[in-house]
Every structure is written in C-alpha cells, then in structure tokens.
PDB file of N, CA and C in Angstrom:
ATOM      1  N   MET A   1     118.849  69.305  59.104  1.00  0.00           N
ATOM      2  CA  MET A   1     120.605  69.682  59.529  1.00  0.00           C
ATOM      3  C   MET A   1     121.001  68.349  58.841  1.00  0.00           C
ATOM      4  N   THR A   2     122.173  69.259  57.699  1.00  0.00           N
ATOM      5  CA  THR A   2     123.698  68.186  57.620  1.00  0.00           C
ATOM      6  C   THR A   2     124.563  68.387  58.267  1.00  0.00           C
ATOM      7  N   ARG A   3     124.990  66.751  57.370  1.00  0.00           N
ATOM      8  CA  ARG A   3     125.970  66.617  57.840  1.00  0.00           C
ATOM      9  C   ARG A   3     127.686  67.305  58.216  1.00  0.00           C
ATOM     10  N   THR A   4     127.736  68.290  57.833  1.00  0.00           N
ATOM     11  CA  THR A   4     128.698  68.903  58.122  1.00  0.00           C
ATOM     12  C   THR A   4     127.427  69.904  58.875  1.00  0.00           C
ATOM     13  N   GLN A   5     126.964  70.648  59.167  1.00  0.00           N
ATOM     14  CA  GLN A   5     125.956  71.213  60.057  1.00  0.00           C
ATOM     15  C   GLN A   5     126.754  70.786  61.252  1.00  0.00           C
ATOM     16  N   THR A   6     125.487  69.480  61.138  1.00  0.00           N
ATOM     17  CA  THR A   6     126.295  68.490  61.998  1.00  0.00           C
ATOM     18  C   THR A   6     127.334  67.931  62.955  1.00  0.00           C
ATOM     19  N   ILE A   7     128.454  68.350  62.100  1.00  0.00           N
ATOM     20  CA  ILE A   7     129.691  67.862  63.037  1.00  0.00           C
ATOM     21  C   ILE A   7     130.212  68.972  63.003  1.00  0.00           C
ATOM     22  N   ALA A   8     129.446  70.554  62.441  1.00  0.00           N
ATOM     23  CA  ALA A   8     130.525  71.248  62.898  1.00  0.00           C
ATOM     24  C   ALA A   8     129.772  72.308  64.268  1.00  0.00           C
ATOM     25  N   SER A   9     128.147  71.606  64.599  1.00  0.00           N
ATOM     26  CA  SER A   9     128.001  72.115  66.736  1.00  0.00           C
ATOM     27  C   SER A   9     128.599  71.134  67.098  1.00  0.00           C
ATOM     28  N   LEU A  10     128.810  69.951  66.872  1.00  0.00           N
ATOM     29  CA  LEU A  10     129.650  68.816  68.003  1.00  0.00           C
ATOM     30  C   LEU A  10     131.002  69.754  68.132  1.00  0.00           C
ATOM     31  N   LEU A  11     131.466  70.191  66.844  1.00  0.00           N
ATOM     32  CA  LEU A  11     132.907  70.336  67.108  1.00  0.00           C
ATOM     33  C   LEU A  11     132.964  71.859  68.122  1.00  0.00           C
ATOM     34  N   ALA A  12     131.489  73.085  68.195  1.00  0.00           N
ATOM     35  CA  ALA A  12     131.440  74.048  68.762  1.00  0.00           C
ATOM     36  C   ALA A  12     131.467  73.727  69.901  1.00  0.00           C
ATOM     37  N   VAL A  13     130.294  72.811  70.555  1.00  0.00           N
ATOM     38  CA  VAL A  13     130.404  72.429  71.735  1.00  0.00           C
ATOM     39  C   VAL A  13     131.798  71.747  72.746  1.00  0.00           C
ATOM     40  N   ALA A  14     132.069  70.935  71.583  1.00  0.00           N
ATOM     41  CA  ALA A  14     133.529  70.465  72.320  1.00  0.00           C
ATOM     42  C   ALA A  14     134.714  71.287  72.346  1.00  0.00           C
ATOM     43  N   THR A  15     135.147  71.866  71.380  1.00  0.00           N
ATOM     44  CA  THR A  15     136.172  72.888  71.599  1.00  0.00           C
ATOM     45  C   THR A  15     135.839  73.912  73.037  1.00  0.00           C
ATOM     46  N   THR A  16     134.716  74.226  73.044  1.00  0.00           N
ATOM     47  CA  THR A  16     133.958  75.346  74.357  1.00  0.00           C
ATOM     48  C   THR A  16     134.808  74.547  75.017  1.00  0.00           C
ATOM     49  N   ALA A  17     134.159  73.526  75.421  1.00  0.00           N
ATOM     50  CA  ALA A  17     133.895  72.129  76.393  1.00  0.00           C
ATOM     51  C   ALA A  17     135.887  72.010  76.979  1.00  0.00           C
ATOM     52  N   ILE A  18     136.317  71.778  76.024  1.00  0.00           N
ATOM     53  CA  ILE A  18     137.385  71.986  76.090  1.00  0.00           C
ATOM     54  C   ILE A  18     138.998  73.104  76.300  1.00  0.00           C
ATOM     55  N   ALA A  19     138.437  74.350  76.035  1.00  0.00           N
ATOM     56  CA  ALA A  19     138.858  75.560  76.420  1.00  0.00           C
ATOM     57  C   ALA A  19     138.991  75.449  76.831  1.00  0.00           C
ATOM     58  N   LEU A  20     137.553  75.470  77.909  1.00  0.00           N
ATOM     59  CA  LEU A  20     137.737  76.292  79.474  1.00  0.00           C
ATOM     60  C   LEU A  20     137.719  75.408  80.069  1.00  0.00           C
ATOM     61  N   GLN A  21     138.304  74.224  80.191  1.00  0.00           N
ATOM     62  CA  GLN A  21     138.231  73.393  81.056  1.00  0.00           C
ATOM     63  C   GLN A  21     137.681  73.188  82.497  1.00  0.00           C
ATOM     64  N   THR A  22     137.550  73.616  82.742  1.00  0.00           N
ATOM     65  CA  THR A  22     136.034  74.331  83.833  1.00  0.00           C
ATOM     66  C   THR A  22     135.522  73.070  84.210  1.00  0.00           C
ATOM     67  N   SER A  23     134.531  73.859  85.628  1.00  0.00           N
ATOM     68  CA  SER A  23     133.704  72.796  86.953  1.00  0.00           C
ATOM     69  C   SER A  23     132.483  72.893  85.769  1.00  0.00           C
ATOM     70  N   PRO A  24     132.036  71.834  85.853  1.00  0.00           N
ATOM     71  CA  PRO A  24     129.801  71.553  84.687  1.00  0.00           C
ATOM     72  C   PRO A  24     129.010  73.010  84.946  1.00  0.00           C
ATOM     73  N   GLY A  25     129.889  73.934  86.443  1.00  0.00           N
ATOM     74  CA  GLY A  25     128.855  74.827  86.621  1.00  0.00           C
ATOM     75  C   GLY A  25     129.336  76.480  86.008  1.00  0.00           C
ATOM     76  N   LEU A  26     130.100  76.374  85.482  1.00  0.00           N
ATOM     77  CA  LEU A  26     130.569  77.971  84.294  1.00  0.00           C
ATOM     78  C   LEU A  26     130.338  77.460  83.147  1.00  0.00           C
ATOM     79  N   ALA A  27     129.747  78.830  82.816  1.00  0.00           N
ATOM     80  CA  ALA A  27     129.164  79.244  81.159  1.00  0.00           C
ATOM     81  C   ALA A  27     130.617  78.945  79.930  1.00  0.00           C
ATOM     82  N   PHE A  28     129.889  78.154  79.196  1.00  0.00           N
ATOM     83  CA  PHE A  28     130.920  78.565  78.179  1.00  0.00           C
ATOM     84  C   PHE A  28     130.863  79.611  77.369  1.00  0.00           C
ATOM     85  N   SER A  29     131.914  80.032  77.258  1.00  0.00           N
ATOM     86  CA  SER A  29     131.783  80.883  76.411  1.00  0.00           C
ATOM     87  C   SER A  29     132.126  81.447  74.725  1.00  0.00           C
ATOM     88  N   SER A  30     131.502  82.695  74.525  1.00  0.00           N
ATOM     89  CA  SER A  30     131.645  82.068  72.470  1.00  0.00           C
ATOM     90  C   SER A  30     133.383  83.279  72.199  1.00  0.00           C
ATOM     91  N   GLU A  31     134.070  82.939  73.281  1.00  0.00           N
ATOM     92  CA  GLU A  31     134.956  83.516  72.952  1.00  0.00           C
ATOM     93  C   GLU A  31     136.575  82.663  73.149  1.00  0.00           C
ATOM     94  N   ALA A  32     136.372  81.308  73.718  1.00  0.00           N
ATOM     95  CA  ALA A  32     136.422  80.389  73.735  1.00  0.00           C
ATOM     96  C   ALA A  32     135.899  79.263  71.942  1.00  0.00           C
ATOM     97  N   GLN A  33     134.865  79.999  72.048  1.00  0.00           N
ATOM     98  CA  GLN A  33     134.408  79.393  70.872  1.00  0.00           C
ATOM     99  C   GLN A  33     135.027  80.122  69.335  1.00  0.00           C
ATOM    100  N   GLN A  34     135.233  81.140  69.389  1.00  0.00           N
ATOM    101  CA  GLN A  34     135.839  82.034  68.144  1.00  0.00           C
ATOM    102  C   GLN A  34     137.477  81.654  68.262  1.00  0.00           C
ATOM    103  N   MET A  35     138.245  81.248  69.128  1.00  0.00           N
ATOM    104  CA  MET A  35     139.203  81.251  68.914  1.00  0.00           C
ATOM    105  C   MET A  35     140.241  79.356  69.381  1.00  0.00           C
ATOM    106  N   CYS A  36     139.196  78.660  69.311  1.00  0.00           N
ATOM    107  CA  CYS A  36     139.788  77.699  69.227  1.00  0.00           C
ATOM    108  C   CYS A  36     139.171  76.577  68.032  1.00  0.00           C
ATOM    109  N   THR A  37     137.808  76.407  68.310  1.00  0.00           N
ATOM    110  CA  THR A  37     137.239  75.502  66.416  1.00  0.00           C
ATOM    111  C   THR A  37     138.403  75.563  65.695  1.00  0.00           C
ATOM    112  N   GLY A  38     138.703  76.471  64.910  1.00  0.00           N
ATOM    113  CA  GLY A  38     139.740  75.760  63.851  1.00  0.00           C
ATOM    114  C   GLY A  38     140.725  75.229  64.877  1.00  0.00           C
ATOM    115  N   ASP A  39     141.373  75.016  66.024  1.00  0.00           N
ATOM    116  CA  ASP A  39     142.361  74.867  66.385  1.00  0.00           C
ATOM    117  C   ASP A  39     141.820  72.666  66.723  1.00  0.00           C
ATOM    118  N   ALA A  40     140.710  72.710  67.459  1.00  0.00           N
ATOM    119  CA  ALA A  40     140.404  71.887  67.595  1.00  0.00           C
ATOM    120  C   ALA A  40     140.025  70.667  66.380  1.00  0.00           C
ATOM    121  N   MET A  41     139.548  71.043  65.167  1.00  0.00           N
ATOM    122  CA  MET A  41     139.226  70.467  63.782  1.00  0.00           C
ATOM    123  C   MET A  41     140.949  70.582  63.857  1.00  0.00           C
ATOM    124  N   ARG A  42     142.140  70.813  64.015  1.00  0.00           N
ATOM    125  CA  ARG A  42     142.688  70.811  62.547  1.00  0.00           C
ATOM    126  C   ARG A  42     143.896  69.806  63.614  1.00  0.00           C
ATOM    127  N   LEU A  43     144.003  69.289  64.858  1.00  0.00           N
ATOM    128  CA  LEU A  43     144.024  68.779  65.946  1.00  0.00           C
ATOM    129  C   LEU A  43     143.616  67.535  66.149  1.00  0.00           C
ATOM    130  N   CYS A  44     142.403  67.245  66.634  1.00  0.00           N
ATOM    131  CA  CYS A  44     141.865  66.491  67.430  1.00  0.00           C
ATOM    132  C   CYS A  44     140.422  66.072  66.752  1.00  0.00           C
ATOM    133  N   SER A  45     140.135  66.370  65.098  1.00  0.00           N
ATOM    134  CA  SER A  45     139.209  66.671  64.553  1.00  0.00           C
ATOM    135  C   SER A  45     138.545  63.915  64.829  1.00  0.00           C
ATOM    136  N   SER A  46     139.705  63.563  64.758  1.00  0.00           N
ATOM    137  CA  SER A  46     139.329  62.229  64.622  1.00  0.00           C
ATOM    138  C   SER A  46     139.028  62.241  66.253  1.00  0.00           C
ATOM    139  N   GLU A  47     139.169  62.897  67.118  1.00  0.00           N
ATOM    140  CA  GLU A  47     138.104  62.870  68.438  1.00  0.00           C
ATOM    141  C   GLU A  47     137.085  63.106  68.825  1.00  0.00           C
ATOM    142  N   ILE A  48     136.176  63.900  67.138  1.00  0.00           N
ATOM    143  CA  ILE A  48     135.134  64.419  67.727  1.00  0.00           C
ATOM    144  C   ILE A  48     133.931  63.053  67.291  1.00  0.00           C
ATOM    145  N   PRO A  49     133.119  63.086  67.888  1.00  0.00           N
ATOM    146  CA  PRO A  49     131.789  64.379  68.866  1.00  0.00           C
ATOM    147  C   PRO A  49     132.716  64.614  70.490  1.00  0.00           C
ATOM    148  N   ASP A  50     133.326  63.269  70.755  1.00  0.00           N
ATOM    149  CA  ASP A  50     133.715  62.588  72.276  1.00  0.00           C
ATOM    150  C   ASP A  50     134.321  63.049  73.099  1.00  0.00           C
ATOM    151  N   ILE A  51     133.675  64.113  72.983  1.00  0.00           N
ATOM    152  CA  ILE A  51     133.887  65.656  74.482  1.00  0.00           C
ATOM    153  C   ILE A  51     135.341  65.846  75.336  1.00  0.00           C
ATOM    154  N   PRO A  52     135.541  64.708  76.099  1.00  0.00           N
ATOM    155  CA  PRO A  52     135.807  64.430  77.010  1.00  0.00           C
ATOM    156  C   PRO A  52     138.072  63.487  76.105  1.00  0.00           C
ATOM    157  N   ARG A  53     137.571  62.674  74.688  1.00  0.00           N
ATOM    158  CA  ARG A  53     138.713  62.950  73.923  1.00  0.00           C
ATOM    159  C   ARG A  53     139.325  63.684  73.311  1.00  0.00           C
ATOM    160  N   VAL A  54     138.380  64.848  73.281  1.00  0.00           N
ATOM    161  CA  VAL A  54     138.557  66.021  72.487  1.00  0.00           C
ATOM    162  C   VAL A  54     139.616  66.731  73.583  1.00  0.00           C
ATOM    163  N   ARG A  55     138.931  67.261  74.424  1.00  0.00           N
ATOM    164  CA  ARG A  55     139.751  67.748  75.809  1.00  0.00           C
ATOM    165  C   ARG A  55     141.015  67.256  75.426  1.00  0.00           C
ATOM    166  N   ALA A  56     141.068  65.993  75.884  1.00  0.00           N
ATOM    167  CA  ALA A  56     142.532  65.320  76.080  1.00  0.00           C
ATOM    168  C   ALA A  56     143.151  65.760  75.385  1.00  0.00           C
ATOM    169  N   CYS A  57     142.807  65.889  73.556  1.00  0.00           N
ATOM    170  CA  CYS A  57     143.361  66.079  72.680  1.00  0.00           C
ATOM    171  C   CYS A  57     144.314  67.258  72.476  1.00  0.00           C
ATOM    172  N   MET A  58     143.302  68.454  72.700  1.00  0.00           N
ATOM    173  CA  MET A  58     143.716  69.731  73.537  1.00  0.00           C
ATOM    174  C   MET A  58     144.858  70.041  73.815  1.00  0.00           C
ATOM    175  N   VAL A  59     144.551  69.394  75.018  1.00  0.00           N
ATOM    176  CA  VAL A  59     145.357  69.575  76.033  1.00  0.00           C
ATOM    177  C   VAL A  59     146.691  68.904  75.982  1.00  0.00           C
ATOM    178  N   ARG A  60     147.250  67.914  75.533  1.00  0.00           N
ATOM    179  CA  ARG A  60     148.196  67.143  74.670  1.00  0.00           C
ATOM    180  C   ARG A  60     148.835  68.360  73.558  1.00  0.00           C
ATOM    181  N   ASN A  61     147.871  68.703  72.714  1.00  0.00           N
ATOM    182  CA  ASN A  61     148.501  69.682  71.736  1.00  0.00           C
ATOM    183  C   ASN A  61     148.579  70.656  72.335  1.00  0.00           C
ATOM    184  N   LYS A  62     148.577  71.280  73.140  1.00  0.00           N
ATOM    185  CA  LYS A  62     148.690  73.018  73.835  1.00  0.00           C
ATOM    186  C   LYS A  62     149.530  73.267  72.900  1.00  0.00           C
ATOM    187  N   ALA A  63     150.979  73.456  72.776  1.00  0.00           N
ATOM    188  CA  ALA A  63     151.794  73.880  72.166  1.00  0.00           C
ATOM    189  C   ALA A  63     151.373  73.993  71.099  1.00  0.00           C
ATOM    190  N   GLN A  64     150.491  73.898  70.193  1.00  0.00           N
ATOM    191  CA  GLN A  64     150.219  73.735  69.163  1.00  0.00           C
ATOM    192  C   GLN A  64     149.323  74.373  68.601  1.00  0.00           C
ATOM    193  N   VAL A  65     148.786  74.156  69.623  1.00  0.00           N
ATOM    194  CA  VAL A  65     147.412  75.513  69.706  1.00  0.00           C
ATOM    195  C   VAL A  65     148.017  77.057  69.432  1.00  0.00           C
ATOM    196  N   SER A  66     147.011  77.548  68.633  1.00  0.00           N
ATOM    197  CA  SER A  66     147.274  79.203  67.842  1.00  0.00           C
ATOM    198  C   SER A  66     147.414  79.798  68.591  1.00  0.00           C
ATOM    199  N   PRO A  67     147.438  80.992  69.696  1.00  0.00           N
ATOM    200  CA  PRO A  67     148.289  81.675  70.567  1.00  0.00           C
ATOM    201  C   PRO A  67     146.851  82.373  71.213  1.00  0.00           C
ATOM    202  N   GLY A  68     145.898  83.131  70.040  1.00  0.00           N
ATOM    203  CA  GLY A  68     144.336  83.342  71.166  1.00  0.00           C
ATOM    204  C   GLY A  68     143.569  82.183  71.753  1.00  0.00           C
ATOM    205  N   CYS A  69     144.077  81.176  71.185  1.00  0.00           N
ATOM    206  CA  CYS A  69     143.150  80.069  71.429  1.00  0.00           C
ATOM    207  C   CYS A  69     144.559  79.371  73.324  1.00  0.00           C
ATOM    208  N   ARG A  70     144.928  79.593  73.321  1.00  0.00           N
ATOM    209  CA  ARG A  70     146.406  79.111  74.719  1.00  0.00           C
ATOM    210  C   ARG A  70     145.693  80.170  75.095  1.00  0.00           C
ATOM    211  N   ALA A  71     145.655  81.389  74.720  1.00  0.00           N
ATOM    212  CA  ALA A  71     145.449  82.899  75.942  1.00  0.00           C
ATOM    213  C   ALA A  71     144.017  82.074  76.349  1.00  0.00           C
ATOM    214  N   VAL A  72     143.448  81.906  75.789  1.00  0.00           N
ATOM    215  CA  VAL A  72     141.238  81.973  76.759  1.00  0.00           C
ATOM    216  C   VAL A  72     141.394  80.391  77.738  1.00  0.00           C
ATOM    217  N   MET A  73     142.616  79.018  76.897  1.00  0.00           N
ATOM    218  CA  MET A  73     142.698  77.746  77.515  1.00  0.00           C
ATOM    219  C   MET A  73     143.496  77.855  78.909  1.00  0.00           C
ATOM    220  N   ASP A  74     144.372  78.816  78.849  1.00  0.00           N
ATOM    221  CA  ASP A  74     145.100  79.635  80.102  1.00  0.00           C
ATOM    222  C   ASP A  74     144.999  80.599  81.264  1.00  0.00           C
ATOM    223  N   ARG A  75     144.187  80.899  80.796  1.00  0.00           N
ATOM    224  CA  ARG A  75     143.018  82.324  81.435  1.00  0.00           C
ATOM    225  C   ARG A  75     142.026  80.977  82.270  1.00  0.00           C
ATOM    226  N   GLU A  76     141.144  80.681  81.378  1.00  0.00           N
ATOM    227  CA  GLU A  76     140.313  79.631  82.091  1.00  0.00           C
ATOM    228  C   GLU A  76     140.556  78.399  83.018  1.00  0.00           C
ATOM    229  N   ALA A  77     141.674  77.644  82.262  1.00  0.00           N
ATOM    230  CA  ALA A  77     142.717  77.011  83.506  1.00  0.00           C
ATOM    231  C   ALA A  77     142.402  77.931  84.799  1.00  0.00           C
ATOM    232  N   ALA A  78     143.116  78.779  84.655  1.00  0.00           N
ATOM    233  CA  ALA A  78     143.662  79.815  86.287  1.00  0.00           C
ATOM    234  C   ALA A  78     142.242  80.187  86.416  1.00  0.00           C
ATOM    235  N   THR A  79     140.808  80.960  86.105  1.00  0.00           N
ATOM    236  CA  THR A  79     140.418  81.395  86.898  1.00  0.00           C
ATOM    237  C   THR A  79     139.240  79.792  87.458  1.00  0.00           C
ATOM    238  N   SER A  80     139.359  78.277  87.064  1.00  0.00           N
ATOM    239  CA  SER A  80     138.680  77.493  87.775  1.00  0.00           C
ATOM    240  C   SER A  80     139.646  76.656  88.922  1.00  0.00           C
ATOM    241  N   ALA A  81     140.952  76.705  88.471  1.00  0.00           N
ATOM    242  CA  ALA A  81     142.072  76.679  89.947  1.00  0.00           C
ATOM    243  C   ALA A  81     141.457  77.605  90.472  1.00  0.00           C
ATOM    244  N   SER A  82     141.337  79.263  90.658  1.00  0.00           N
ATOM    245  CA  SER A  82     141.657  79.657  91.809  1.00  0.00           C
ATOM    246  C   SER A  82     139.881  79.507  92.361  1.00  0.00           C
ATOM    247  N   HIS A  83     138.767  79.531  91.127  1.00  0.00           N
ATOM    248  CA  HIS A  83     137.399  78.490  92.133  1.00  0.00           C
ATOM    249  C   HIS A  83     137.755  77.353  92.821  1.00  0.00           C
ATOM    250  N   LYS A  84     137.894  76.772  92.541  1.00  0.00           N
ATOM    251  CA  LYS A  84     138.839  75.005  93.293  1.00  0.00           C
ATOM    252  C   LYS A  84     139.650  75.657  94.070  1.00  0.00           C
ATOM    253  N   ARG A  85     140.147  76.279  94.769  1.00  0.00           N
ATOM    254  CA  ARG A  85     140.585  76.694  95.774  1.00  0.00           C
ATOM    255  C   ARG A  85     140.201  77.496  96.533  1.00  0.00           C
ATOM    256  N   GLU A  86     138.882  78.451  96.189  1.00  0.00           N
ATOM    257  CA  GLU A  86     138.043  78.776  96.596  1.00  0.00           C
ATOM    258  C   GLU A  86     137.302  78.280  97.810  1.00  0.00           C
ATOM    259  N   ALA A  87     137.137  76.611  97.155  1.00  0.00           N
ATOM    260  CA  ALA A  87     136.084  75.885  97.112  1.00  0.00           C
ATOM    261  C   ALA A  87     136.192  74.592  98.832  1.00  0.00           C
ATOM    262  N   ALA A  88     137.476  74.766  98.224  1.00  0.00           N
ATOM    263  CA  ALA A  88     138.702  73.699  99.837  1.00  0.00           C
ATOM    264  C   ALA A  88     138.560  74.662 100.649  1.00  0.00           C
ATOM    265  N   ALA A  89     138.641  75.770 100.438  1.00  0.00           N
ATOM    266  CA  ALA A  89     139.294  77.129 102.138  1.00  0.00           C
ATOM    267  C   ALA A  89     137.550  76.762 102.577  1.00  0.00           C
ATOM    268  N   GLN A  90     136.896  76.802 101.574  1.00  0.00           N
ATOM    269  CA  GLN A  90     134.869  76.298 103.278  1.00  0.00           C
ATOM    270  C   GLN A  90     134.610  75.819 103.926  1.00  0.00           C
TER     271      GLN A  90
END
C-alpha cells in the first residue's frame, strides 16, 4: 500500500467518525464518507490520523464544511441525541 493510499484510508475512517458523531455502537455510513472526506482533508489534514483531534477540528469548523457534509453531521448528531435520550429514559 502506498503512502497516499494509507493516508486516504486513515482519512476515510477519521472522516466517518467525525461526520457521524455517534456512539461507538452505531455503524459508520458510506454517505458520511462521501460527503465529508474532502472537507476533512481540506480543513483538518494536519490532525490526521488522530481521530479525536480530527473530530474536534471538524466540529470547530462546521460552519466551513460543505452543505452535504453539514447535513450528514446534523442528521447523525440528532440521531445520536435521540438514542441518548432513550437510553437515559430506561
């Protein structure tokens, strides 16, 4: 695997984790990868491969992400919040 392929793979994992902002039990979506990889590379490449730092960077720069990535981030954050409320109610 070339260095570029390795970086691309790490970026895909990091981007998905950032975009979803979900609990560890939920699967990463291919939509999040598609919509947010470019934004993560553009805005947070210096943080890769440290996923928590990439996640924090994407959240900090949410106003600068593409509309598609922002929509995925918002939708997944709402889903995560809903799951947390349900768990707290039990």
